[in-house]
Amino acid sequence: MESGLNHHHRKVPLGQRLAFSLGHILNDLCASMWFTYLLLFFHKVLKFDSFLSGILMLVGQVNMHNFLLKIHCPTEGCSFSPFFT
């Protein structure tokens, strides 16, 4: 049986690949700025120590990752996640 990945293999146009790449870079920059702002907010405004600020960021990232996986893959047979196999 042929794999589903090779069934409809088409070449994506160069302009679309460049636009996707640029969007990916800009998304990473935006996320970095947001995380930096949030760490400074926790530390300077809420007066949390650096360790607690980092732990809050880590817990938030892990929870968001699990939440998005549950939305995208609600069944147990999810092939790309080791958490839902």
Protein backbone atom coordinates (compact mmCIF):
# COMPACT_ATOMS: atom_id res chain seq x y z
CA MET A 1 0.00 0.00 0.00
CA GLU A 2 1.39 3.40 -0.97
CA SER A 3 2.05 6.00 1.72
CA GLY A 4 -0.38 8.92 1.92
CA LEU A 5 2.51 11.40 1.91
CA ASN A 6 3.61 10.51 -1.64
CA HIS A 7 0.11 10.17 -3.10
CA HIS A 8 -0.36 13.79 -4.27
CA HIS A 9 3.18 15.15 -4.29
CA ARG A 10 3.28 18.56 -5.99
CA LYS A 11 6.00 21.18 -6.10
CA VAL A 12 5.09 24.34 -4.19
CA PRO A 13 5.85 27.56 -6.14
CA LEU A 14 8.91 29.53 -5.06
CA GLY A 15 6.91 32.64 -4.13
CA GLN A 16 4.67 30.64 -1.83
CA ARG A 17 7.64 28.94 -0.17
CA LEU A 18 9.35 32.31 0.39
CA ALA A 19 6.17 33.83 1.82
CA PHE A 20 5.72 30.87 4.16
CA SER A 21 9.37 31.11 5.26
CA LEU A 22 9.10 34.84 5.93
CA GLY A 23 5.88 34.34 7.89
CA HIS A 24 7.55 31.63 9.95
CA ILE A 25 10.49 33.92 10.78
CA LEU A 26 8.21 36.83 11.68
CA ASN A 27 6.10 34.53 13.87
CA ASP A 28 9.23 33.42 15.76
CA LEU A 29 10.31 37.06 16.23
CA CYS A 30 6.88 38.00 17.55
CA ALA A 31 6.88 35.07 19.96
CA SER A 32 10.36 35.99 21.21
CA MET A 33 9.28 39.57 21.86
CA TRP A 34 6.14 38.41 23.67
CA PHE A 35 8.05 35.99 25.90
CA THR A 36 10.66 38.64 26.72
CA TYR A 37 7.92 41.12 27.62
CA LEU A 38 6.12 38.56 29.76
CA LEU A 39 9.28 37.64 31.66
CA LEU A 40 10.02 41.31 32.34
CA PHE A 41 6.42 41.85 33.45
CA PHE A 42 6.59 38.95 35.89
CA HIS A 43 9.95 40.08 37.25
CA LYS A 44 9.64 43.89 37.33
CA VAL A 45 5.91 44.55 37.79
CA LEU A 46 4.67 41.54 39.75
CA LYS A 47 7.99 41.29 41.64
CA PHE A 48 8.43 37.54 41.08
CA ASP A 49 11.99 36.28 41.35
CA SER A 50 13.72 35.12 38.17
CA PHE A 51 13.32 31.42 38.93
CA LEU A 52 9.57 31.68 39.49
CA SER A 53 9.14 33.76 36.33
CA GLY A 54 10.95 31.11 34.30
CA ILE A 55 8.93 28.29 35.86
CA LEU A 56 5.67 30.10 35.04
CA MET A 57 6.78 30.50 31.42
CA LEU A 58 7.74 26.82 31.19
CA VAL A 59 4.46 25.62 32.71
CA GLY A 60 2.52 27.90 30.37
CA GLN A 61 4.34 26.57 27.30
CA VAL A 62 3.82 22.92 28.26
CA ASN A 63 0.12 23.50 28.96
CA MET A 64 -0.38 25.37 25.68
CA HIS A 65 1.38 22.60 23.75
CA ASN A 66 -0.83 19.92 25.29
CA PHE A 67 -3.96 22.01 24.73
CA LEU A 68 -3.17 22.52 21.03
CA LEU A 69 -2.40 18.84 20.55
CA LYS A 70 -5.71 17.88 22.12
CA ILE A 71 -7.57 20.23 19.79
CA HIS A 72 -5.72 19.07 16.68
CA CYS A 73 -5.69 15.39 17.53
CA PRO A 74 -8.61 14.51 19.84
CA THR A 75 -8.45 10.76 19.11
CA GLU A 76 -5.95 8.33 20.59
CA GLY A 77 -4.44 7.32 17.25
CA CYS A 78 -2.50 10.52 16.64
CA SER A 79 0.57 9.70 14.54
CA PHE A 80 2.77 12.77 15.16
CA SER A 81 2.56 13.04 18.93
CA PRO A 82 4.23 10.66 21.38
CA PHE A 83 1.69 11.75 24.02
CA PHE A 84 -1.32 10.34 22.18
CA THR A 85 -0.09 7.02 20.81
